[in-house]
PDB file of N, CA and C in Angstrom:
ATOM      1  N   MET A   1      64.501 -14.616  -3.294  1.00  0.00           N
ATOM      2  CA  MET A   1      63.951 -13.301  -3.509  1.00  0.00           C
ATOM      3  C   MET A   1      62.886 -13.007  -2.467  1.00  0.00           C
ATOM      4  N   SER A   2      62.930 -11.860  -1.964  1.00  0.00           N
ATOM      5  CA  SER A   2      61.921 -11.484  -0.973  1.00  0.00           C
ATOM      6  C   SER A   2      60.737 -10.844  -1.686  1.00  0.00           C
ATOM      7  N   THR A   3      59.689 -10.656  -0.957  1.00  0.00           N
ATOM      8  CA  THR A   3      58.479 -10.078  -1.552  1.00  0.00           C
ATOM      9  C   THR A   3      58.703  -8.626  -1.939  1.00  0.00           C
ATOM     10  N   GLU A   4      59.589  -7.955  -1.248  1.00  0.00           N
ATOM     11  CA  GLU A   4      59.871  -6.573  -1.584  1.00  0.00           C
ATOM     12  C   GLU A   4      60.560  -6.477  -2.935  1.00  0.00           C
ATOM     13  N   GLN A   5      61.395  -7.420  -3.253  1.00  0.00           N
ATOM     14  CA  GLN A   5      62.116  -7.381  -4.507  1.00  0.00           C
ATOM     15  C   GLN A   5      61.216  -7.796  -5.668  1.00  0.00           C
ATOM     16  N   SER A   6      60.183  -8.598  -5.413  1.00  0.00           N
ATOM     17  CA  SER A   6      59.332  -9.048  -6.497  1.00  0.00           C
ATOM     18  C   SER A   6      58.416  -7.920  -7.007  1.00  0.00           C
ATOM     19  N   GLU A   7      58.147  -6.930  -6.174  1.00  0.00           N
ATOM     20  CA  GLU A   7      57.328  -5.800  -6.620  1.00  0.00           C
ATOM     21  C   GLU A   7      58.218  -4.824  -7.363  1.00  0.00           C
ATOM     22  N   ILE A   8      57.916  -4.648  -8.607  1.00  0.00           N
ATOM     23  CA  ILE A   8      58.722  -3.750  -9.413  1.00  0.00           C
ATOM     24  C   ILE A   8      57.937  -2.462  -9.590  1.00  0.00           C
ATOM     25  N   VAL A   9      58.524  -1.377  -9.201  1.00  0.00           N
ATOM     26  CA  VAL A   9      57.905  -0.070  -9.322  1.00  0.00           C
ATOM     27  C   VAL A   9      58.588   0.651 -10.456  1.00  0.00           C
ATOM     28  N   PRO A  10      57.816   1.072 -11.471  1.00  0.00           N
ATOM     29  CA  PRO A  10      58.445   1.791 -12.574  1.00  0.00           C
ATOM     30  C   PRO A  10      59.102   3.071 -12.077  1.00  0.00           C
ATOM     31  N   GLN A  11      60.149   3.458 -12.770  1.00  0.00           N
ATOM     32  CA  GLN A  11      60.880   4.639 -12.374  1.00  0.00           C
ATOM     33  C   GLN A  11      60.009   5.872 -12.588  1.00  0.00           C
ATOM     34  N   GLY A  12      60.072   6.793 -11.691  1.00  0.00           N
ATOM     35  CA  GLY A  12      59.319   8.023 -11.798  1.00  0.00           C
ATOM     36  C   GLY A  12      57.975   7.955 -11.081  1.00  0.00           C
ATOM     37  N   GLU A  13      57.465   6.769 -10.835  1.00  0.00           N
ATOM     38  CA  GLU A  13      56.184   6.638 -10.128  1.00  0.00           C
ATOM     39  C   GLU A  13      56.470   6.207  -8.708  1.00  0.00           C
ATOM     40  N   THR A  14      55.839   6.877  -7.788  1.00  0.00           N
ATOM     41  CA  THR A  14      56.008   6.501  -6.388  1.00  0.00           C
ATOM     42  C   THR A  14      54.662   6.085  -5.841  1.00  0.00           C
ATOM     43  N   GLN A  15      54.697   5.165  -4.940  1.00  0.00           N
ATOM     44  CA  GLN A  15      53.454   4.732  -4.321  1.00  0.00           C
ATOM     45  C   GLN A  15      53.212   5.568  -3.081  1.00  0.00           C
ATOM     46  N   THR A  16      51.984   6.094  -2.981  1.00  0.00           N
ATOM     47  CA  THR A  16      51.631   6.885  -1.805  1.00  0.00           C
ATOM     48  C   THR A  16      50.450   6.231  -1.122  1.00  0.00           C
ATOM     49  N   ALA A  17      50.356   6.406   0.143  1.00  0.00           N
ATOM     50  CA  ALA A  17      49.227   5.864   0.899  1.00  0.00           C
ATOM     51  C   ALA A  17      47.986   6.701   0.591  1.00  0.00           C
ATOM     52  N   PRO A  18      46.804   6.065   0.557  1.00  0.00           N
ATOM     53  CA  PRO A  18      45.590   6.847   0.290  1.00  0.00           C
ATOM     54  C   PRO A  18      45.354   7.873   1.386  1.00  0.00           C
ATOM     55  N   ALA A  19      44.900   9.046   0.984  1.00  0.00           N
ATOM     56  CA  ALA A  19      44.666  10.122   1.941  1.00  0.00           C
ATOM     57  C   ALA A  19      43.444   9.784   2.789  1.00  0.00           C
ATOM     58  N   LEU A  20      43.482  10.196   4.024  1.00  0.00           N
ATOM     59  CA  LEU A  20      42.359   9.963   4.922  1.00  0.00           C
ATOM     60  C   LEU A  20      41.252  10.961   4.626  1.00  0.00           C
ATOM     61  N   ASP A  21      40.014  10.495   4.696  1.00  0.00           N
ATOM     62  CA  ASP A  21      38.868  11.371   4.467  1.00  0.00           C
ATOM     63  C   ASP A  21      38.564  12.097   5.766  1.00  0.00           C
ATOM     64  N   ILE A  22      38.781  13.399   5.777  1.00  0.00           N
ATOM     65  CA  ILE A  22      38.581  14.154   7.011  1.00  0.00           C
ATOM     66  C   ILE A  22      37.289  14.956   6.984  1.00  0.00           C
ATOM     67  N   THR A  23      36.504  14.854   5.910  1.00  0.00           N
ATOM     68  CA  THR A  23      35.244  15.595   5.827  1.00  0.00           C
ATOM     69  C   THR A  23      34.190  14.893   6.670  1.00  0.00           C
ATOM     70  N   GLN A  24      33.304  15.661   7.228  1.00  0.00           N
ATOM     71  CA  GLN A  24      32.227  15.086   8.016  1.00  0.00           C
ATOM     72  C   GLN A  24      31.066  14.720   7.098  1.00  0.00           C
ATOM     73  N   GLN A  25      30.363  13.687   7.461  1.00  0.00           N
ATOM     74  CA  GLN A  25      29.228  13.261   6.659  1.00  0.00           C
ATOM     75  C   GLN A  25      28.040  14.163   6.979  1.00  0.00           C
ATOM     76  N   ALA A  26      27.368  14.659   5.933  1.00  0.00           N
ATOM     77  CA  ALA A  26      26.281  15.604   6.126  1.00  0.00           C
ATOM     78  C   ALA A  26      25.020  14.913   6.646  1.00  0.00           C
ATOM     79  N   THR A  27      24.806  13.673   6.268  1.00  0.00           N
ATOM     80  CA  THR A  27      23.607  12.956   6.693  1.00  0.00           C
ATOM     81  C   THR A  27      23.997  11.847   7.656  1.00  0.00           C
ATOM     82  N   THR A  28      23.019  11.378   8.348  1.00  0.00           N
ATOM     83  CA  THR A  28      23.295  10.285   9.278  1.00  0.00           C
ATOM     84  C   THR A  28      23.479   8.993   8.486  1.00  0.00           C
ATOM     85  N   PRO A  29      24.338   8.121   8.927  1.00  0.00           N
ATOM     86  CA  PRO A  29      24.558   6.885   8.179  1.00  0.00           C
ATOM     87  C   PRO A  29      23.360   5.937   8.227  1.00  0.00           C
ATOM     88  N   THR A  30      22.553   6.014   9.285  1.00  0.00           N
ATOM     89  CA  THR A  30      21.368   5.153   9.369  1.00  0.00           C
ATOM     90  C   THR A  30      20.144   5.967   8.990  1.00  0.00           C
ATOM     91  N   PRO A  31      19.295   5.449   8.117  1.00  0.00           N
ATOM     92  CA  PRO A  31      18.116   6.222   7.712  1.00  0.00           C
ATOM     93  C   PRO A  31      17.100   6.319   8.850  1.00  0.00           C
ATOM     94  N   THR A  32      16.457   7.447   8.932  1.00  0.00           N
ATOM     95  CA  THR A  32      15.425   7.619   9.947  1.00  0.00           C
ATOM     96  C   THR A  32      14.106   7.168   9.348  1.00  0.00           C
ATOM     97  N   THR A  33      13.309   6.493  10.138  1.00  0.00           N
ATOM     98  CA  THR A  33      11.999   6.047   9.646  1.00  0.00           C
ATOM     99  C   THR A  33      11.019   7.189   9.804  1.00  0.00           C
ATOM    100  N   ARG A  34      10.211   7.370   8.791  1.00  0.00           N
ATOM    101  CA  ARG A  34       9.268   8.476   8.768  1.00  0.00           C
ATOM    102  C   ARG A  34       7.924   8.000   9.271  1.00  0.00           C
ATOM    103  N   VAL A  35       7.308   8.750  10.142  1.00  0.00           N
ATOM    104  CA  VAL A  35       6.002   8.409  10.674  1.00  0.00           C
ATOM    105  C   VAL A  35       4.963   9.106   9.811  1.00  0.00           C
ATOM    106  N   LYS A  36       4.043   8.318   9.261  1.00  0.00           N
ATOM    107  CA  LYS A  36       3.015   8.892   8.401  1.00  0.00           C
ATOM    108  C   LYS A  36       1.855   9.400   9.242  1.00  0.00           C
ATOM    109  N   ASN A  37       1.212  10.434   8.740  1.00  0.00           N
ATOM    110  CA  ASN A  37       0.046  11.002   9.405  1.00  0.00           C
ATOM    111  C   ASN A  37      -1.149  10.074   9.152  1.00  0.00           C
ATOM    112  N   PRO A  38      -1.702   9.453  10.188  1.00  0.00           N
ATOM    113  CA  PRO A  38      -2.790   8.492   9.966  1.00  0.00           C
ATOM    114  C   PRO A  38      -4.051   9.130   9.379  1.00  0.00           C
ATOM    115  N   LYS A  39      -4.302  10.383   9.690  1.00  0.00           N
ATOM    116  CA  LYS A  39      -5.488  11.045   9.132  1.00  0.00           C
ATOM    117  C   LYS A  39      -5.337  11.221   7.623  1.00  0.00           C
ATOM    118  N   ARG A  40      -4.137  11.588   7.195  1.00  0.00           N
ATOM    119  CA  ARG A  40      -3.890  11.776   5.775  1.00  0.00           C
ATOM    120  C   ARG A  40      -3.943  10.444   5.026  1.00  0.00           C
ATOM    121  N   VAL A  41      -3.441   9.388   5.651  1.00  0.00           N
ATOM    122  CA  VAL A  41      -3.466   8.065   5.032  1.00  0.00           C
ATOM    123  C   VAL A  41      -4.908   7.595   4.852  1.00  0.00           C
ATOM    124  N   SER A  42      -5.740   7.767   5.887  1.00  0.00           N
ATOM    125  CA  SER A  42      -7.133   7.319   5.779  1.00  0.00           C
ATOM    126  C   SER A  42      -7.897   8.164   4.769  1.00  0.00           C
ATOM    127  N   ALA A  43      -7.599   9.454   4.696  1.00  0.00           N
ATOM    128  CA  ALA A  43      -8.261  10.300   3.705  1.00  0.00           C
ATOM    129  C   ALA A  43      -7.871   9.873   2.296  1.00  0.00           C
ATOM    130  N   GLY A  44      -6.622   9.541   2.097  1.00  0.00           N
ATOM    131  CA  GLY A  44      -6.170   9.075   0.781  1.00  0.00           C
ATOM    132  C   GLY A  44      -6.835   7.770   0.390  1.00  0.00           C
ATOM    133  N   LYS A  45      -7.026   6.878   1.351  1.00  0.00           N
ATOM    134  CA  LYS A  45      -7.697   5.609   1.061  1.00  0.00           C
ATOM    135  C   LYS A  45      -9.151   5.841   0.676  1.00  0.00           C
ATOM    136  N   MET A  46      -9.819   6.767   1.342  1.00  0.00           N
ATOM    137  CA  MET A  46     -11.223   7.063   1.015  1.00  0.00           C
ATOM    138  C   MET A  46     -11.338   7.640  -0.387  1.00  0.00           C
ATOM    139  N   VAL A  47     -10.432   8.533  -0.741  1.00  0.00           N
ATOM    140  CA  VAL A  47     -10.457   9.135  -2.073  1.00  0.00           C
ATOM    141  C   VAL A  47     -10.202   8.073  -3.136  1.00  0.00           C
ATOM    142  N   ALA A  48      -9.268   7.170  -2.877  1.00  0.00           N
ATOM    143  CA  ALA A  48      -8.961   6.111  -3.837  1.00  0.00           C
ATOM    144  C   ALA A  48     -10.172   5.187  -4.022  1.00  0.00           C
ATOM    145  N   GLU A  49     -10.860   4.869  -2.953  1.00  0.00           N
ATOM    146  CA  GLU A  49     -12.036   4.004  -3.040  1.00  0.00           C
ATOM    147  C   GLU A  49     -13.158   4.702  -3.821  1.00  0.00           C
ATOM    148  N   ARG A  50     -13.339   5.989  -3.563  1.00  0.00           N
ATOM    149  CA  ARG A  50     -14.360   6.754  -4.285  1.00  0.00           C
ATOM    150  C   ARG A  50     -14.041   6.803  -5.777  1.00  0.00           C
ATOM    151  N   THR A  51     -12.772   7.010  -6.093  1.00  0.00           N
ATOM    152  CA  THR A  51     -12.346   7.062  -7.488  1.00  0.00           C
ATOM    153  C   THR A  51     -12.537   5.712  -8.167  1.00  0.00           C
ATOM    154  N   ARG A  52     -12.291   4.639  -7.426  1.00  0.00           N
ATOM    155  CA  ARG A  52     -12.438   3.300  -7.990  1.00  0.00           C
ATOM    156  C   ARG A  52     -13.909   2.973  -8.253  1.00  0.00           C
ATOM    157  N   LEU A  53     -14.814   3.444  -7.396  1.00  0.00           N
ATOM    158  CA  LEU A  53     -16.240   3.122  -7.530  1.00  0.00           C
ATOM    159  C   LEU A  53     -16.986   4.073  -8.473  1.00  0.00           C
ATOM    160  N   ALA A  54     -16.422   5.220  -8.792  1.00  0.00           N
ATOM    161  CA  ALA A  54     -17.112   6.226  -9.600  1.00  0.00           C
ATOM    162  C   ALA A  54     -17.571   5.699 -10.961  1.00  0.00           C
ATOM    163  N   PRO A  55     -16.748   5.013 -11.756  1.00  0.00           N
ATOM    164  CA  PRO A  55     -17.226   4.538 -13.055  1.00  0.00           C
ATOM    165  C   PRO A  55     -18.383   3.548 -12.939  1.00  0.00           C
ATOM    166  N   GLU A  56     -18.358   2.700 -11.917  1.00  0.00           N
ATOM    167  CA  GLU A  56     -19.449   1.746 -11.730  1.00  0.00           C
ATOM    168  C   GLU A  56     -20.757   2.477 -11.420  1.00  0.00           C
ATOM    169  N   GLN A  57     -20.696   3.490 -10.569  1.00  0.00           N
ATOM    170  CA  GLN A  57     -21.889   4.251 -10.220  1.00  0.00           C
ATOM    171  C   GLN A  57     -22.416   5.024 -11.422  1.00  0.00           C
ATOM    172  N   GLN A  58     -21.527   5.587 -12.227  1.00  0.00           N
ATOM    173  CA  GLN A  58     -21.962   6.312 -13.417  1.00  0.00           C
ATOM    174  C   GLN A  58     -22.641   5.372 -14.400  1.00  0.00           C
ATOM    175  N   LYS A  59     -22.116   4.173 -14.543  1.00  0.00           N
ATOM    176  CA  LYS A  59     -22.695   3.204 -15.461  1.00  0.00           C
ATOM    177  C   LYS A  59     -24.095   2.796 -14.996  1.00  0.00           C
ATOM    178  N   LYS A  60     -24.263   2.568 -13.682  1.00  0.00           N
ATOM    179  CA  LYS A  60     -25.573   2.217 -13.134  1.00  0.00           C
ATOM    180  C   LYS A  60     -26.575   3.357 -13.343  1.00  0.00           C
ATOM    181  N   ALA A  61     -26.120   4.589 -13.115  1.00  0.00           N
ATOM    182  CA  ALA A  61     -26.994   5.746 -13.289  1.00  0.00           C
ATOM    183  C   ALA A  61     -27.403   5.893 -14.752  1.00  0.00           C
ATOM    184  N   ALA A  62     -26.480   5.655 -15.666  1.00  0.00           N
ATOM    185  CA  ALA A  62     -26.797   5.769 -17.093  1.00  0.00           C
ATOM    186  C   ALA A  62     -27.788   4.690 -17.514  1.00  0.00           C
ATOM    187  N   GLU A  63     -27.610   3.479 -17.010  1.00  0.00           N
ATOM    188  CA  GLU A  63     -28.543   2.405 -17.347  1.00  0.00           C
ATOM    189  C   GLU A  63     -29.940   2.701 -16.815  1.00  0.00           C
ATOM    190  N   ALA A  64     -30.022   3.233 -15.601  1.00  0.00           N
ATOM    191  CA  ALA A  64     -31.326   3.582 -15.023  1.00  0.00           C
ATOM    192  C   ALA A  64     -31.990   4.698 -15.831  1.00  0.00           C
ATOM    193  N   TYR A  65     -31.209   5.666 -16.270  1.00  0.00           N
ATOM    194  CA  TYR A  65     -31.747   6.783 -17.057  1.00  0.00           C
ATOM    195  C   TYR A  65     -32.289   6.280 -18.397  1.00  0.00           C
ATOM    196  N   ILE A  66     -31.514   5.424 -19.055  1.00  0.00           N
ATOM    197  CA  ILE A  66     -31.940   4.885 -20.345  1.00  0.00           C
ATOM    198  C   ILE A  66     -33.198   4.039 -20.178  1.00  0.00           C
ATOM    199  N   ALA A  67     -33.239   3.240 -19.127  1.00  0.00           N
ATOM    200  CA  ALA A  67     -34.414   2.397 -18.879  1.00  0.00           C
ATOM    201  C   ALA A  67     -35.653   3.247 -18.611  1.00  0.00           C
ATOM    202  N   SER A  68     -35.512   4.322 -17.850  1.00  0.00           N
ATOM    203  CA  SER A  68     -36.675   5.176 -17.570  1.00  0.00           C
ATOM    204  C   SER A  68     -37.144   5.893 -18.833  1.00  0.00           C
ATOM    205  N   ASN A  69     -36.209   6.303 -19.694  1.00  0.00           N
ATOM    206  CA  ASN A  69     -36.606   6.957 -20.943  1.00  0.00           C
ATOM    207  C   ASN A  69     -37.319   5.984 -21.875  1.00  0.00           C
ATOM    208  N   LYS A  70     -36.865   4.730 -21.906  1.00  0.00           N
ATOM    209  CA  LYS A  70     -37.538   3.736 -22.739  1.00  0.00           C
ATOM    210  C   LYS A  70     -38.938   3.454 -22.209  1.00  0.00           C
ATOM    211  N   ALA A  71     -39.067   3.420 -20.882  1.00  0.00           N
ATOM    212  CA  ALA A  71     -40.379   3.168 -20.284  1.00  0.00           C
ATOM    213  C   ALA A  71     -41.334   4.324 -20.599  1.00  0.00           C
ATOM    214  N   LYS A  72     -40.853   5.534 -20.551  1.00  0.00           N
ATOM    215  CA  LYS A  72     -41.696   6.700 -20.875  1.00  0.00           C
ATOM    216  C   LYS A  72     -42.095   6.678 -22.344  1.00  0.00           C
ATOM    217  N   ALA A  73     -41.174   6.283 -23.194  1.00  0.00           N
ATOM    218  CA  ALA A  73     -41.443   6.286 -24.633  1.00  0.00           C
ATOM    219  C   ALA A  73     -42.499   5.245 -24.993  1.00  0.00           C
ATOM    220  N   THR A  74     -42.485   4.118 -24.320  1.00  0.00           N
ATOM    221  CA  THR A  74     -43.457   3.075 -24.656  1.00  0.00           C
ATOM    222  C   THR A  74     -44.829   3.371 -24.073  1.00  0.00           C
ATOM    223  N   THR A  75     -44.926   4.046 -22.942  1.00  0.00           N
ATOM    224  CA  THR A  75     -46.221   4.311 -22.318  1.00  0.00           C
ATOM    225  C   THR A  75     -46.853   5.605 -22.829  1.00  0.00           C
ATOM    226  N   ALA A  76     -46.083   6.590 -23.190  1.00  0.00           N
ATOM    227  CA  ALA A  76     -46.634   7.872 -23.633  1.00  0.00           C
ATOM    228  C   ALA A  76     -47.028   7.778 -25.105  1.00  0.00           C
ATOM    229  N   ALA A  77     -48.081   8.492 -25.437  1.00  0.00           N
ATOM    230  CA  ALA A  77     -48.522   8.540 -26.829  1.00  0.00           C
ATOM    231  C   ALA A  77     -47.543   9.401 -27.608  1.00  0.00           C
ATOM    232  N   PRO A  78     -47.218   9.002 -28.823  1.00  0.00           N
ATOM    233  CA  PRO A  78     -46.277   9.804 -29.604  1.00  0.00           C
ATOM    234  C   PRO A  78     -46.896  11.162 -29.952  1.00  0.00           C
ATOM    235  N   GLU A  79     -46.077  12.178 -29.931  1.00  0.00           N
ATOM    236  CA  GLU A  79     -46.559  13.520 -30.261  1.00  0.00           C
ATOM    237  C   GLU A  79     -46.771  13.603 -31.769  1.00  0.00           C
ATOM    238  N   PRO A  80     -47.821  14.284 -32.178  1.00  0.00           N
ATOM    239  CA  PRO A  80     -48.061  14.407 -33.616  1.00  0.00           C
ATOM    240  C   PRO A  80     -46.985  15.269 -34.269  1.00  0.00           C
ATOM    241  N   THR A  81     -46.658  14.926 -35.488  1.00  0.00           N
ATOM    242  CA  THR A  81     -45.668  15.689 -36.228  1.00  0.00           C
ATOM    243  C   THR A  81     -46.307  16.964 -36.757  1.00  0.00           C
ATOM    244  N   ARG A  82     -45.514  17.830 -37.369  1.00  0.00           N
ATOM    245  CA  ARG A  82     -46.049  19.087 -37.916  1.00  0.00           C
ATOM    246  C   ARG A  82     -47.054  18.813 -39.040  1.00  0.00           C
ATOM    247  N   LEU A  83     -46.757  17.802 -39.835  1.00  0.00           N
ATOM    248  CA  LEU A  83     -47.651  17.475 -40.939  1.00  0.00           C
ATOM    249  C   LEU A  83     -49.014  17.003 -40.417  1.00  0.00           C
ATOM    250  N   GLN A  84     -48.982  16.188 -39.375  1.00  0.00           N
ATOM    251  CA  GLN A  84     -50.225  15.722 -38.786  1.00  0.00           C
ATOM    252  C   GLN A  84     -50.992  16.865 -38.141  1.00  0.00           C
ATOM    253  N   LYS A  85     -50.295  17.816 -37.521  1.00  0.00           N
ATOM    254  CA  LYS A  85     -50.933  18.973 -36.913  1.00  0.00           C
ATOM    255  C   LYS A  85     -51.577  19.843 -37.985  1.00  0.00           C
ATOM    256  N   ALA A  86     -50.869  20.020 -39.087  1.00  0.00           N
ATOM    257  CA  ALA A  86     -51.401  20.841 -40.175  1.00  0.00           C
ATOM    258  C   ALA A  86     -52.652  20.195 -40.765  1.00  0.00           C
ATOM    259  N   LYS A  87     -52.661  18.884 -40.963  1.00  0.00           N
ATOM    260  CA  LYS A  87     -53.818  18.187 -41.500  1.00  0.00           C
ATOM    261  C   LYS A  87     -55.005  18.291 -40.549  1.00  0.00           C
ATOM    262  N   ALA A  88     -54.714  18.199 -39.250  1.00  0.00           N
ATOM    263  CA  ALA A  88     -55.796  18.271 -38.271  1.00  0.00           C
ATOM    264  C   ALA A  88     -56.391  19.681 -38.261  1.00  0.00           C
ATOM    265  N   GLN A  89     -55.584  20.698 -38.408  1.00  0.00           N
ATOM    266  CA  GLN A  89     -56.090  22.075 -38.405  1.00  0.00           C
ATOM    267  C   GLN A  89     -56.868  22.373 -39.689  1.00  0.00           C
ATOM    268  N   SER A  90     -56.415  21.845 -40.807  1.00  0.00           N
ATOM    269  CA  SER A  90     -57.109  22.108 -42.081  1.00  0.00           C
ATOM    270  C   SER A  90     -58.428  21.342 -42.144  1.00  0.00           C
ATOM    271  N   ALA A  91     -58.483  20.212 -41.509  1.00  0.00           N
ATOM    272  CA  ALA A  91     -59.712  19.423 -41.506  1.00  0.00           C
ATOM    273  C   ALA A  91     -60.737  20.022 -40.542  1.00  0.00           C
ATOM    274  N   ALA A  92     -60.324  20.775 -39.598  1.00  0.00           N
ATOM    275  CA  ALA A  92     -61.259  21.316 -38.607  1.00  0.00           C
ATOM    276  C   ALA A  92     -61.955  22.552 -39.040  1.00  0.00           C
TER     277      ALA A  92
END
């Protein structure tokens, strides 16, 4: 038996060769490398660094503010309350 006889093709079905693709490719087969704008890249890095450092700076500023308020509270004389003011005025 030859190889042609061993292939059995069902009746009614015919084998056809695949059609050739005649359409042109819209894009190039090799990707083009994109050149980044160095000014934009450096600006983005600066913004990212600023964003990363912002919470640390806010925390330091808040701690300094709280410390200065505590220092003022301990050194300044407490203000008299309304009741103390009223007693002082009635006694005078």
